[in-house]
C-alpha cells in the first residue's frame, strides 16, 4: 500500500508537470474551460432562442430562492440544525476566494445574460466558486439525511436538478466549470466533516474538563 501511495504521488507530479509544460492556451488568451467546449451548441441555441433562455433562468432562480428561503426558515425554527451554519461558512469562504481572485467575465456571457438571473444584471466579475451549487448541494444533502421525502423520489429529483443547474450555469457562461466542481466538493466535505469535527472538539473539551476536576 505504501508503494502504491508513493507511486501515485510521483505519477501525479509528473502529470502536473506535463500538463503545465505542454498545454497551450488559445491565441486570444481566453480561459480554457472543458465545460464551455462541451456546452458550445447549447450556448448557441440559447443565444438564438432568448425566450427559452429567460424561461430556464426563471425556473432556476425560483428554485434557488425557494431553497434559500427553506434554509432561512430552518435557521429560525430549528437553531440546533447545522445546515444554515454550513452554508454560512461556505458563503464566507466564497467571499474570501471571490475577492482574492476576480475571474473575468467573458463577452459571450453578456449575450446570454438574462433578466431573471440571480444575482441580477451588472455583474463585473465571477465569484469563485458557485453560490448556486453550494446552496443546492448542501440543501440536497440535508434533505437526504432527514428523509423528509422518500429517497426513491428525492434522489433522482435532486440529481436532475443539479445536472440542469450545472449545465445551465456553464452553457450561459455564468460560471466556469471549476466553480461547479469546487462548490460541490466543498459542500460534501463540510457536510460530512463538520459534525465529526464538532463532536471531536466537544469530546476533547469534556476530557480536558474531567482532567481539571
N, C-alpha and C. Protein backbone atom coordinates (compact mmCIF):
# COMPACT_ATOMS: atom_id res chain seq x y z
N UNK A 1 0.82 -1.20 0.00
CA UNK A 1 0.00 0.00 0.00
C UNK A 1 0.86 1.26 0.00
N UNK A 2 1.96 1.22 0.78
CA UNK A 2 2.86 2.38 0.84
C UNK A 2 3.45 2.66 -0.53
N UNK A 3 3.85 1.59 -1.26
CA UNK A 3 4.43 1.76 -2.59
C UNK A 3 3.41 2.35 -3.56
N UNK A 4 2.16 1.93 -3.41
CA UNK A 4 1.10 2.44 -4.29
C UNK A 4 0.90 3.94 -4.06
N UNK A 5 0.90 4.34 -2.78
CA UNK A 5 0.72 5.76 -2.46
C UNK A 5 1.89 6.59 -2.99
N UNK A 6 3.10 6.09 -2.79
CA UNK A 6 4.29 6.81 -3.28
C UNK A 6 4.27 6.90 -4.81
N UNK A 7 3.91 5.79 -5.46
CA UNK A 7 3.84 5.77 -6.92
C UNK A 7 2.79 6.73 -7.44
N UNK A 8 1.65 6.81 -6.74
CA UNK A 8 0.58 7.72 -7.14
C UNK A 8 1.02 9.18 -7.03
N UNK A 9 1.78 9.49 -5.98
CA UNK A 9 2.28 10.86 -5.80
C UNK A 9 3.24 11.24 -6.93
N UNK A 10 4.13 10.31 -7.27
CA UNK A 10 5.09 10.57 -8.36
C UNK A 10 4.35 10.75 -9.68
N UNK A 11 3.38 9.89 -9.94
CA UNK A 11 2.61 9.97 -11.19
C UNK A 11 1.84 11.29 -11.27
N UNK A 12 1.26 11.69 -10.14
CA UNK A 12 0.50 12.94 -10.11
C UNK A 12 1.40 14.14 -10.38
N UNK A 13 2.58 14.16 -9.77
CA UNK A 13 3.55 15.24 -10.02
C UNK A 13 3.96 15.29 -11.48
N UNK A 14 4.16 14.12 -12.06
CA UNK A 14 4.56 14.03 -13.48
C UNK A 14 3.44 14.57 -14.38
N UNK A 15 2.20 14.20 -14.09
CA UNK A 15 1.07 14.66 -14.89
C UNK A 15 0.91 16.18 -14.79
N UNK A 16 1.11 16.73 -13.57
CA UNK A 16 1.07 18.18 -13.40
C UNK A 16 2.14 18.85 -14.27
N UNK A 17 3.35 18.30 -14.23
CA UNK A 17 4.46 18.86 -14.99
C UNK A 17 4.16 18.83 -16.49
N UNK A 18 3.69 17.70 -16.98
CA UNK A 18 3.41 17.55 -18.40
C UNK A 18 2.30 18.51 -18.83
N UNK A 19 1.25 18.62 -18.01
CA UNK A 19 0.12 19.47 -18.38
C UNK A 19 0.53 20.94 -18.40
N UNK A 20 1.29 21.37 -17.40
CA UNK A 20 1.70 22.78 -17.32
C UNK A 20 2.72 23.13 -18.40
N UNK A 21 3.54 22.14 -18.78
CA UNK A 21 4.61 22.41 -19.74
C UNK A 21 4.13 22.40 -21.18
N UNK A 22 3.17 21.53 -21.49
CA UNK A 22 2.82 21.30 -22.89
C UNK A 22 1.40 21.72 -23.26
N UNK A 23 0.57 22.12 -22.27
CA UNK A 23 -0.76 22.61 -22.61
C UNK A 23 -0.64 24.02 -23.18
N UNK A 24 -1.42 24.30 -24.21
CA UNK A 24 -1.35 25.61 -24.85
C UNK A 24 -2.67 26.34 -24.69
N UNK A 25 -2.60 27.65 -24.53
CA UNK A 25 -3.79 28.48 -24.48
C UNK A 25 -4.14 28.91 -25.90
N UNK A 26 -5.38 29.33 -26.10
CA UNK A 26 -5.75 29.79 -27.44
C UNK A 26 -5.12 31.15 -27.70
N UNK A 27 -5.13 31.56 -28.96
CA UNK A 27 -4.43 32.78 -29.37
C UNK A 27 -5.04 34.05 -28.76
N UNK A 28 -6.33 33.98 -28.41
CA UNK A 28 -6.98 35.16 -27.83
C UNK A 28 -6.79 35.23 -26.32
N UNK A 29 -6.05 34.27 -25.79
CA UNK A 29 -5.76 34.22 -24.35
C UNK A 29 -7.04 34.13 -23.50
N UNK A 30 -8.05 33.47 -24.04
CA UNK A 30 -9.26 33.21 -23.28
C UNK A 30 -9.04 31.99 -22.40
N UNK A 31 -9.71 31.92 -21.26
CA UNK A 31 -9.52 30.76 -20.39
C UNK A 31 -10.03 29.48 -21.06
N UNK A 32 -9.25 28.43 -20.93
CA UNK A 32 -9.67 27.14 -21.48
C UNK A 32 -10.59 26.48 -20.47
N UNK A 33 -11.79 26.13 -20.88
CA UNK A 33 -12.77 25.53 -19.99
C UNK A 33 -13.43 24.36 -20.71
N UNK A 34 -13.29 23.17 -20.14
CA UNK A 34 -13.86 21.97 -20.77
C UNK A 34 -15.37 22.07 -20.88
N UNK A 35 -15.99 22.58 -19.80
CA UNK A 35 -17.45 22.72 -19.81
C UNK A 35 -17.94 23.66 -20.90
N UNK A 36 -17.21 24.75 -21.15
CA UNK A 36 -17.59 25.69 -22.21
C UNK A 36 -17.55 25.00 -23.58
N UNK A 37 -16.53 24.17 -23.77
CA UNK A 37 -16.40 23.45 -25.04
C UNK A 37 -17.54 22.45 -25.23
N UNK A 38 -17.88 21.73 -24.14
CA UNK A 38 -18.91 20.70 -24.22
C UNK A 38 -20.31 21.30 -24.41
N UNK A 39 -20.51 22.51 -23.92
CA UNK A 39 -21.85 23.13 -24.00
C UNK A 39 -21.92 24.22 -25.07
N UNK A 40 -21.00 24.18 -26.01
CA UNK A 40 -20.95 25.20 -27.05
C UNK A 40 -22.25 25.24 -27.85
N UNK A 41 -22.77 24.06 -28.23
CA UNK A 41 -24.00 24.01 -29.01
C UNK A 41 -25.20 24.51 -28.20
N UNK A 42 -25.21 24.19 -26.90
CA UNK A 42 -26.31 24.65 -26.04
C UNK A 42 -26.27 26.17 -25.93
N UNK A 43 -25.06 26.73 -25.78
CA UNK A 43 -24.91 28.19 -25.68
C UNK A 43 -25.41 28.87 -26.96
N UNK A 44 -25.09 28.29 -28.11
CA UNK A 44 -25.55 28.84 -29.39
C UNK A 44 -27.07 28.79 -29.48
N UNK A 45 -27.64 27.68 -29.06
CA UNK A 45 -29.10 27.52 -29.07
C UNK A 45 -29.78 28.56 -28.18
N UNK A 46 -29.23 28.77 -26.98
CA UNK A 46 -29.82 29.73 -26.05
C UNK A 46 -29.70 31.17 -26.55
N UNK A 47 -28.61 31.47 -27.25
CA UNK A 47 -28.45 32.81 -27.83
C UNK A 47 -29.48 33.05 -28.93
N UNK A 48 -29.80 32.00 -29.66
CA UNK A 48 -30.76 32.11 -30.76
C UNK A 48 -32.21 32.05 -30.27
N UNK A 49 -32.42 31.50 -29.07
CA UNK A 49 -33.77 31.37 -28.51
C UNK A 49 -33.80 32.01 -27.13
N UNK A 50 -33.83 33.33 -27.11
CA UNK A 50 -33.71 34.07 -25.85
C UNK A 50 -34.89 33.82 -24.92
N UNK A 51 -36.07 33.54 -25.48
CA UNK A 51 -37.24 33.29 -24.62
C UNK A 51 -37.06 32.01 -23.81
N UNK A 52 -36.42 30.99 -24.41
CA UNK A 52 -36.14 29.75 -23.69
C UNK A 52 -35.08 29.99 -22.63
N UNK A 53 -34.08 30.78 -22.97
CA UNK A 53 -33.03 31.12 -22.00
C UNK A 53 -33.63 31.85 -20.80
N UNK A 54 -34.54 32.78 -21.07
CA UNK A 54 -35.20 33.52 -19.99
C UNK A 54 -36.05 32.58 -19.12
N UNK A 55 -36.75 31.64 -19.76
CA UNK A 55 -37.61 30.71 -19.02
C UNK A 55 -36.78 29.81 -18.11
N UNK A 56 -35.68 29.28 -18.64
CA UNK A 56 -34.81 28.41 -17.83
C UNK A 56 -34.20 29.20 -16.67
N UNK A 57 -33.88 30.46 -16.94
CA UNK A 57 -33.34 31.32 -15.88
C UNK A 57 -34.38 31.54 -14.78
N UNK A 58 -35.63 31.76 -15.18
CA UNK A 58 -36.70 31.95 -14.19
C UNK A 58 -36.87 30.71 -13.32
N UNK A 59 -36.87 29.54 -13.96
CA UNK A 59 -37.03 28.29 -13.22
C UNK A 59 -35.90 28.12 -12.22
N UNK A 60 -34.67 28.34 -12.68
CA UNK A 60 -33.50 28.17 -11.81
C UNK A 60 -33.53 29.15 -10.65
N UNK A 61 -33.94 30.39 -10.92
CA UNK A 61 -33.98 31.41 -9.87
C UNK A 61 -35.06 31.10 -8.84
N UNK A 62 -36.23 30.67 -9.29
CA UNK A 62 -37.31 30.31 -8.37
C UNK A 62 -36.88 29.16 -7.46
N UNK A 63 -36.24 28.15 -8.05
CA UNK A 63 -35.76 27.00 -7.27
C UNK A 63 -34.72 27.45 -6.25
N UNK A 64 -33.76 28.27 -6.69
CA UNK A 64 -32.69 28.72 -5.80
C UNK A 64 -33.24 29.56 -4.64
N UNK A 65 -34.15 30.48 -4.94
CA UNK A 65 -34.73 31.32 -3.89
C UNK A 65 -35.58 30.49 -2.93
N UNK A 66 -36.25 29.46 -3.46
CA UNK A 66 -37.03 28.56 -2.60
C UNK A 66 -36.12 27.81 -1.63
N UNK A 67 -34.99 27.34 -2.15
CA UNK A 67 -34.02 26.63 -1.30
C UNK A 67 -33.46 27.56 -0.23
N UNK A 68 -33.08 28.77 -0.64
CA UNK A 68 -32.54 29.73 0.34
C UNK A 68 -33.59 30.11 1.37
N UNK A 69 -34.86 30.23 0.93
CA UNK A 69 -35.93 30.52 1.87
C UNK A 69 -36.12 29.39 2.87
N UNK A 70 -36.03 28.15 2.38
CA UNK A 70 -36.15 26.99 3.26
C UNK A 70 -35.02 26.96 4.29
N UNK A 71 -33.81 27.25 3.83
CA UNK A 71 -32.65 27.26 4.75
C UNK A 71 -32.83 28.35 5.81
N UNK A 72 -33.37 29.50 5.41
CA UNK A 72 -33.62 30.59 6.36
C UNK A 72 -34.66 30.18 7.40
N UNK A 73 -35.72 29.50 6.97
CA UNK A 73 -36.75 29.02 7.91
C UNK A 73 -36.18 27.99 8.87
N UNK A 74 -35.29 27.12 8.35
CA UNK A 74 -34.64 26.13 9.22
C UNK A 74 -33.81 26.84 10.29
N UNK A 75 -33.09 27.86 9.89
CA UNK A 75 -32.25 28.60 10.84
C UNK A 75 -33.10 29.25 11.93
N UNK A 76 -34.30 29.69 11.58
CA UNK A 76 -35.17 30.36 12.55
C UNK A 76 -35.88 29.38 13.48
N UNK A 77 -36.44 28.32 12.89
CA UNK A 77 -37.28 27.39 13.67
C UNK A 77 -36.50 26.22 14.28
N UNK A 78 -35.30 25.96 13.77
CA UNK A 78 -34.51 24.84 14.31
C UNK A 78 -33.06 25.29 14.51
N UNK A 79 -32.81 26.07 15.57
CA UNK A 79 -31.48 26.65 15.80
C UNK A 79 -30.37 25.60 15.94
N UNK A 80 -30.71 24.38 16.32
CA UNK A 80 -29.69 23.33 16.50
C UNK A 80 -29.25 22.71 15.18
N UNK A 81 -30.02 22.91 14.12
CA UNK A 81 -29.67 22.33 12.82
C UNK A 81 -28.43 23.02 12.25
N UNK A 82 -27.51 22.22 11.73
CA UNK A 82 -26.21 22.75 11.27
C UNK A 82 -26.21 23.22 9.82
N UNK A 83 -27.26 22.91 9.05
CA UNK A 83 -27.27 23.31 7.64
C UNK A 83 -27.05 24.81 7.44
N UNK A 84 -27.79 25.69 8.12
CA UNK A 84 -27.54 27.13 7.91
C UNK A 84 -26.11 27.55 8.23
N UNK A 85 -25.53 26.94 9.27
CA UNK A 85 -24.14 27.27 9.63
C UNK A 85 -23.17 26.82 8.53
N UNK A 86 -23.42 25.64 7.97
CA UNK A 86 -22.55 25.14 6.89
C UNK A 86 -22.62 26.07 5.68
N UNK A 87 -23.83 26.48 5.32
CA UNK A 87 -23.99 27.38 4.18
C UNK A 87 -23.33 28.72 4.46
N UNK A 88 -23.46 29.21 5.69
CA UNK A 88 -22.84 30.48 6.06
C UNK A 88 -21.31 30.39 5.96
N UNK A 89 -20.74 29.30 6.43
CA UNK A 89 -19.29 29.10 6.33
C UNK A 89 -18.84 29.06 4.87
N UNK A 90 -19.60 28.33 4.04
CA UNK A 90 -19.26 28.22 2.62
C UNK A 90 -19.35 29.58 1.93
N UNK A 91 -20.37 30.36 2.27
CA UNK A 91 -20.52 31.68 1.66
C UNK A 91 -19.39 32.62 2.11
N UNK A 92 -18.93 32.45 3.36
CA UNK A 92 -17.82 33.26 3.85
C UNK A 92 -16.53 32.90 3.10
N UNK A 93 -16.31 31.59 2.91
CA UNK A 93 -15.14 31.15 2.14
C UNK A 93 -15.22 31.68 0.71
N UNK A 94 -16.43 31.64 0.15
CA UNK A 94 -16.64 32.13 -1.23
C UNK A 94 -16.34 33.63 -1.32
N UNK A 95 -16.73 34.37 -0.30
CA UNK A 95 -16.46 35.81 -0.29
C UNK A 95 -14.95 36.07 -0.30
N UNK A 96 -14.20 35.28 0.48
CA UNK A 96 -12.75 35.45 0.54
C UNK A 96 -12.10 35.09 -0.79
N UNK A 97 -12.44 33.90 -1.31
CA UNK A 97 -11.81 33.45 -2.57
C UNK A 97 -12.23 34.34 -3.73
N UNK A 98 -13.52 34.76 -3.73
CA UNK A 98 -14.00 35.59 -4.82
C UNK A 98 -13.41 36.99 -4.81
N UNK A 99 -13.10 37.47 -3.63
CA UNK A 99 -12.47 38.79 -3.52
C UNK A 99 -10.97 38.73 -3.81
N UNK A 100 -10.36 37.60 -3.44
CA UNK A 100 -8.92 37.46 -3.65
C UNK A 100 -8.57 37.29 -5.12
N UNK A 101 -9.40 36.55 -5.85
CA UNK A 101 -9.17 36.33 -7.28
C UNK A 101 -10.46 36.57 -8.03
N UNK A 102 -10.53 37.67 -8.75
CA UNK A 102 -11.72 38.02 -9.51
C UNK A 102 -11.60 37.45 -10.92
N UNK A 103 -12.46 36.48 -11.22
CA UNK A 103 -12.42 35.83 -12.53
C UNK A 103 -13.13 36.71 -13.55
N UNK A 104 -12.51 36.98 -14.71
CA UNK A 104 -13.10 37.90 -15.69
C UNK A 104 -14.35 37.33 -16.35
N UNK A 105 -15.30 38.22 -16.63
CA UNK A 105 -16.48 37.83 -17.40
C UNK A 105 -16.11 37.70 -18.87
N UNK A 106 -16.69 36.73 -19.53
CA UNK A 106 -16.48 36.58 -20.97
C UNK A 106 -17.48 37.44 -21.74
N UNK A 107 -17.09 37.88 -22.93
CA UNK A 107 -18.01 38.68 -23.74
C UNK A 107 -19.26 37.88 -24.07
N UNK A 108 -19.10 36.56 -24.19
CA UNK A 108 -20.23 35.70 -24.52
C UNK A 108 -21.28 35.72 -23.41
N UNK A 109 -20.85 35.96 -22.17
CA UNK A 109 -21.78 35.99 -21.04
C UNK A 109 -22.80 37.10 -21.20
N UNK A 110 -22.36 38.25 -21.72
CA UNK A 110 -23.25 39.39 -21.90
C UNK A 110 -24.37 39.05 -22.87
N UNK A 111 -24.07 38.20 -23.87
CA UNK A 111 -25.08 37.81 -24.86
C UNK A 111 -26.07 36.80 -24.29
N UNK A 112 -25.68 36.13 -23.20
CA UNK A 112 -26.52 35.09 -22.61
C UNK A 112 -27.13 35.53 -21.28
N UNK A 113 -26.83 36.75 -20.86
CA UNK A 113 -27.33 37.27 -19.60
C UNK A 113 -28.85 37.42 -19.67
N UNK A 114 -29.53 37.12 -18.56
CA UNK A 114 -30.99 37.18 -18.55
C UNK A 114 -31.51 38.17 -17.50
N UNK A 115 -32.77 38.53 -17.64
CA UNK A 115 -33.39 39.49 -16.73
C UNK A 115 -33.61 38.89 -15.36
N UNK A 116 -33.89 37.57 -15.33
CA UNK A 116 -34.33 36.94 -14.09
C UNK A 116 -33.23 36.18 -13.36
N UNK A 117 -32.01 36.30 -13.84
CA UNK A 117 -30.94 35.56 -13.18
C UNK A 117 -30.68 36.14 -11.80
N UNK A 118 -30.05 35.30 -10.98
CA UNK A 118 -29.75 35.73 -9.60
C UNK A 118 -28.28 35.46 -9.32
N UNK A 119 -27.49 36.49 -9.01
CA UNK A 119 -27.90 37.89 -8.90
C UNK A 119 -28.20 38.51 -10.26
N UNK A 120 -28.78 39.71 -10.26
CA UNK A 120 -29.24 40.33 -11.49
C UNK A 120 -28.13 40.82 -12.39
N UNK A 121 -28.53 41.52 -13.45
CA UNK A 121 -27.56 42.03 -14.42
C UNK A 121 -26.60 43.03 -13.78
N UNK A 122 -25.46 43.20 -14.43
CA UNK A 122 -24.50 44.18 -13.95
C UNK A 122 -23.30 43.59 -13.23
N UNK A 123 -23.17 42.26 -13.27
CA UNK A 123 -22.00 41.65 -12.63
C UNK A 123 -20.73 42.13 -13.31
N UNK A 124 -19.73 42.43 -12.50
CA UNK A 124 -18.45 42.90 -13.05
C UNK A 124 -17.42 41.77 -13.15
N UNK A 125 -17.62 40.72 -12.33
CA UNK A 125 -16.68 39.59 -12.35
C UNK A 125 -17.36 38.37 -11.75
N UNK A 126 -16.71 37.22 -11.91
CA UNK A 126 -17.21 35.97 -11.35
C UNK A 126 -16.74 35.81 -9.91
N UNK A 127 -17.63 35.35 -9.06
CA UNK A 127 -17.22 34.92 -7.73
C UNK A 127 -16.88 33.44 -7.80
N UNK A 128 -15.70 33.11 -7.36
CA UNK A 128 -15.28 31.72 -7.31
C UNK A 128 -15.48 31.24 -5.87
N UNK A 129 -16.32 30.30 -5.69
CA UNK A 129 -16.95 29.26 -6.51
C UNK A 129 -18.45 29.54 -6.61
N UNK A 130 -19.22 28.59 -7.12
CA UNK A 130 -20.63 28.83 -7.41
C UNK A 130 -21.51 28.81 -6.16
N UNK A 131 -22.19 29.93 -5.91
CA UNK A 131 -23.14 30.00 -4.80
C UNK A 131 -24.38 29.17 -5.07
N UNK A 132 -24.81 29.11 -6.35
CA UNK A 132 -25.93 28.25 -6.73
C UNK A 132 -25.66 26.81 -6.32
N UNK A 133 -24.44 26.36 -6.63
CA UNK A 133 -24.08 24.96 -6.39
C UNK A 133 -24.01 24.64 -4.91
N UNK A 134 -23.34 25.50 -4.14
CA UNK A 134 -23.20 25.19 -2.71
C UNK A 134 -24.55 25.17 -2.00
N UNK A 135 -25.46 26.06 -2.41
CA UNK A 135 -26.79 26.09 -1.79
C UNK A 135 -27.58 24.83 -2.15
N UNK A 136 -27.56 24.46 -3.42
CA UNK A 136 -28.32 23.29 -3.87
C UNK A 136 -27.77 22.00 -3.28
N UNK A 137 -26.45 21.82 -3.32
CA UNK A 137 -25.84 20.58 -2.83
C UNK A 137 -26.01 20.45 -1.32
N UNK A 138 -25.77 21.54 -0.58
CA UNK A 138 -25.91 21.50 0.87
C UNK A 138 -27.35 21.18 1.27
N UNK A 139 -28.31 21.80 0.60
CA UNK A 139 -29.72 21.55 0.88
C UNK A 139 -30.12 20.12 0.52
N UNK A 140 -29.60 19.63 -0.61
CA UNK A 140 -29.91 18.26 -1.05
C UNK A 140 -29.39 17.23 -0.05
N UNK A 141 -28.19 17.45 0.47
CA UNK A 141 -27.62 16.52 1.46
C UNK A 141 -28.44 16.55 2.75
N UNK A 142 -28.92 17.74 3.12
CA UNK A 142 -29.78 17.86 4.30
C UNK A 142 -31.08 17.08 4.09
N UNK A 143 -31.71 17.26 2.93
CA UNK A 143 -32.96 16.57 2.62
C UNK A 143 -32.76 15.06 2.59
N UNK A 144 -31.61 14.65 2.08
CA UNK A 144 -31.30 13.21 2.01
C UNK A 144 -31.17 12.62 3.42
N UNK A 145 -30.46 13.31 4.28
CA UNK A 145 -30.23 12.81 5.64
C UNK A 145 -31.53 12.78 6.46
N UNK A 146 -32.34 13.81 6.29
CA UNK A 146 -33.56 13.92 7.08
C UNK A 146 -34.67 13.00 6.58
N UNK A 147 -34.54 12.52 5.34
CA UNK A 147 -35.55 11.63 4.73
C UNK A 147 -36.95 12.25 4.80
N UNK A 148 -37.00 13.56 4.55
CA UNK A 148 -38.29 14.26 4.56
C UNK A 148 -39.19 13.73 3.43
N UNK A 149 -38.55 13.43 2.31
CA UNK A 149 -39.24 12.83 1.16
C UNK A 149 -38.56 11.50 0.86
N UNK A 150 -39.30 10.53 0.38
CA UNK A 150 -38.74 9.22 0.05
C UNK A 150 -37.53 9.35 -0.87
N UNK A 151 -36.47 8.61 -0.57
CA UNK A 151 -35.27 8.64 -1.40
C UNK A 151 -35.57 8.23 -2.84
N UNK A 152 -36.57 7.39 -3.02
CA UNK A 152 -36.95 6.93 -4.36
C UNK A 152 -37.39 8.10 -5.22
N UNK A 153 -37.96 9.13 -4.58
CA UNK A 153 -38.41 10.33 -5.30
C UNK A 153 -37.36 11.43 -5.23
N UNK A 154 -36.82 11.66 -4.04
CA UNK A 154 -35.96 12.83 -3.82
C UNK A 154 -34.61 12.73 -4.52
N UNK A 155 -33.99 11.54 -4.48
CA UNK A 155 -32.63 11.40 -5.05
C UNK A 155 -32.61 11.67 -6.55
N UNK A 156 -33.47 11.00 -7.37
CA UNK A 156 -33.47 11.33 -8.81
C UNK A 156 -33.80 12.80 -9.07
N UNK A 157 -34.74 13.36 -8.28
CA UNK A 157 -35.12 14.77 -8.48
C UNK A 157 -33.93 15.69 -8.21
N UNK A 158 -33.21 15.46 -7.12
CA UNK A 158 -32.09 16.34 -6.76
C UNK A 158 -30.92 16.19 -7.73
N UNK A 159 -30.70 14.96 -8.22
CA UNK A 159 -29.63 14.75 -9.20
C UNK A 159 -29.96 15.47 -10.51
N UNK A 160 -31.21 15.34 -10.97
CA UNK A 160 -31.62 16.01 -12.20
C UNK A 160 -31.55 17.53 -12.04
N UNK A 161 -31.95 18.01 -10.87
CA UNK A 161 -31.90 19.45 -10.60
C UNK A 161 -30.45 19.95 -10.62
N UNK A 162 -29.55 19.16 -10.03
CA UNK A 162 -28.12 19.52 -10.01
C UNK A 162 -27.56 19.55 -11.44
N UNK A 163 -27.90 18.54 -12.23
CA UNK A 163 -27.41 18.48 -13.62
C UNK A 163 -27.95 19.66 -14.43
N UNK A 164 -29.25 19.91 -14.28
CA UNK A 164 -29.88 21.03 -15.00
C UNK A 164 -29.21 22.35 -14.66
N UNK A 165 -29.05 22.61 -13.36
CA UNK A 165 -28.46 23.87 -12.93
C UNK A 165 -27.02 24.00 -13.40
N UNK A 166 -26.24 22.92 -13.29
CA UNK A 166 -24.83 22.97 -13.67
C UNK A 166 -24.68 23.24 -15.17
N UNK A 167 -25.47 22.53 -15.98
CA UNK A 167 -25.40 22.73 -17.43
C UNK A 167 -25.83 24.14 -17.80
N UNK A 168 -26.88 24.63 -17.13
CA UNK A 168 -27.36 25.98 -17.45
C UNK A 168 -26.32 27.03 -17.07
N UNK A 169 -25.71 26.90 -15.89
CA UNK A 169 -24.70 27.87 -15.46
C UNK A 169 -23.50 27.88 -16.40
N UNK A 170 -23.05 26.70 -16.81
CA UNK A 170 -21.88 26.61 -17.68
C UNK A 170 -22.21 27.05 -19.11
N UNK A 171 -23.36 26.61 -19.62
CA UNK A 171 -23.71 26.94 -21.01
C UNK A 171 -24.01 28.42 -21.20
N UNK A 172 -24.49 29.09 -20.14
CA UNK A 172 -24.73 30.54 -20.22
C UNK A 172 -23.49 31.33 -19.80
N UNK A 173 -22.42 30.61 -19.51
CA UNK A 173 -21.14 31.20 -19.09
C UNK A 173 -21.30 31.98 -17.78
N UNK A 174 -22.27 31.52 -16.96
CA UNK A 174 -22.49 32.15 -15.66
C UNK A 174 -21.47 31.72 -14.63
N UNK A 175 -20.78 30.62 -14.90
CA UNK A 175 -19.70 30.15 -14.04
C UNK A 175 -18.75 29.29 -14.86
N UNK A 176 -17.50 29.24 -14.43
CA UNK A 176 -16.55 28.30 -15.01
C UNK A 176 -16.83 26.91 -14.44
N UNK A 177 -16.34 25.90 -15.13
CA UNK A 177 -16.57 24.52 -14.69
C UNK A 177 -15.97 24.26 -13.32
N UNK A 178 -14.79 24.83 -13.06
CA UNK A 178 -14.15 24.59 -11.76
C UNK A 178 -14.97 25.19 -10.61
N UNK A 179 -15.77 26.22 -10.88
CA UNK A 179 -16.64 26.79 -9.84
C UNK A 179 -17.68 25.77 -9.39
N UNK A 180 -18.21 25.02 -10.35
CA UNK A 180 -19.22 24.00 -10.05
C UNK A 180 -18.57 22.85 -9.26
N UNK A 181 -17.41 22.41 -9.74
CA UNK A 181 -16.72 21.27 -9.11
C UNK A 181 -16.32 21.60 -7.68
N UNK A 182 -15.70 22.77 -7.49
CA UNK A 182 -15.23 23.16 -6.16
C UNK A 182 -16.41 23.37 -5.20
N UNK A 183 -17.47 24.00 -5.69
CA UNK A 183 -18.66 24.19 -4.86
C UNK A 183 -19.26 22.88 -4.41
N UNK A 184 -19.26 21.89 -5.30
CA UNK A 184 -19.79 20.57 -4.97
C UNK A 184 -18.93 19.86 -3.94
N UNK A 185 -17.63 19.83 -4.17
CA UNK A 185 -16.71 19.12 -3.28
C UNK A 185 -16.71 19.75 -1.88
N UNK A 186 -16.65 21.07 -1.81
CA UNK A 186 -16.63 21.74 -0.50
C UNK A 186 -17.93 21.50 0.27
N UNK A 187 -19.05 21.47 -0.45
CA UNK A 187 -20.33 21.21 0.20
C UNK A 187 -20.36 19.82 0.81
N UNK A 188 -19.86 18.83 0.08
CA UNK A 188 -19.80 17.46 0.59
C UNK A 188 -18.85 17.37 1.78
N UNK A 189 -17.67 17.98 1.64
CA UNK A 189 -16.67 17.91 2.71
C UNK A 189 -17.20 18.54 3.99
N UNK A 190 -17.80 19.70 3.88
CA UNK A 190 -18.28 20.39 5.08
C UNK A 190 -19.47 19.65 5.69
N UNK A 191 -20.29 19.07 4.85
CA UNK A 191 -21.47 18.35 5.34
C UNK A 191 -21.07 17.15 6.21
N UNK A 192 -20.05 16.41 5.75
CA UNK A 192 -19.66 15.20 6.46
C UNK A 192 -18.53 15.43 7.46
N UNK A 193 -17.72 16.47 7.26
CA UNK A 193 -16.59 16.72 8.16
C UNK A 193 -17.00 17.56 9.36
N UNK A 194 -17.92 18.49 9.17
CA UNK A 194 -18.28 19.42 10.24
C UNK A 194 -18.85 18.72 11.48
N UNK A 195 -19.81 17.78 11.34
CA UNK A 195 -20.33 17.10 12.54
C UNK A 195 -19.26 16.34 13.30
N UNK A 196 -18.36 15.65 12.57
CA UNK A 196 -17.28 14.90 13.21
C UNK A 196 -16.32 15.83 13.93
N UNK A 197 -16.00 16.95 13.28
CA UNK A 197 -15.06 17.90 13.89
C UNK A 197 -15.64 18.49 15.18
N UNK A 198 -16.93 18.83 15.14
CA UNK A 198 -17.57 19.40 16.33
C UNK A 198 -17.68 18.36 17.44
N UNK A 199 -17.99 17.12 17.06
CA UNK A 199 -18.09 16.06 18.06
C UNK A 199 -16.74 15.82 18.72
N UNK A 200 -15.67 15.79 17.91
CA UNK A 200 -14.32 15.59 18.47
C UNK A 200 -13.93 16.75 19.37
N UNK A 201 -14.30 17.96 18.97
CA UNK A 201 -13.97 19.13 19.78
C UNK A 201 -14.69 19.08 21.13
N UNK A 202 -15.96 18.65 21.10
CA UNK A 202 -16.72 18.54 22.35
C UNK A 202 -16.15 17.45 23.26
N UNK A 203 -15.76 16.33 22.66
CA UNK A 203 -15.16 15.25 23.44
C UNK A 203 -13.86 15.68 24.08
N UNK A 204 -13.03 16.39 23.30
CA UNK A 204 -11.76 16.88 23.83
C UNK A 204 -11.98 17.87 24.97
N UNK A 205 -13.00 18.74 24.79
CA UNK A 205 -13.30 19.73 25.83
C UNK A 205 -13.77 19.03 27.11
N UNK A 206 -14.60 17.99 26.94
CA UNK A 206 -15.09 17.25 28.12
C UNK A 206 -13.94 16.53 28.83
N UNK A 207 -13.04 15.95 28.05
CA UNK A 207 -11.88 15.26 28.63
C UNK A 207 -10.99 16.24 29.39
N UNK A 208 -10.80 17.43 28.83
CA UNK A 208 -9.99 18.46 29.50
C UNK A 208 -10.63 18.89 30.80
N UNK A 209 -11.98 19.03 30.78
CA UNK A 209 -12.70 19.42 31.99
C UNK A 209 -12.56 18.34 33.07
N UNK A 210 -12.63 17.06 32.65
CA UNK A 210 -12.52 15.97 33.60
C UNK A 210 -11.11 15.91 34.21
N UNK A 211 -10.11 16.20 33.35
CA UNK A 211 -8.73 16.17 33.85
C UNK A 211 -8.51 17.29 34.88
N UNK A 212 -9.16 18.44 34.61
CA UNK A 212 -9.01 19.57 35.55
C UNK A 212 -9.67 19.23 36.89
N UNK A 213 -10.85 18.58 36.79
CA UNK A 213 -11.53 18.18 38.02
C UNK A 213 -10.76 17.10 38.78
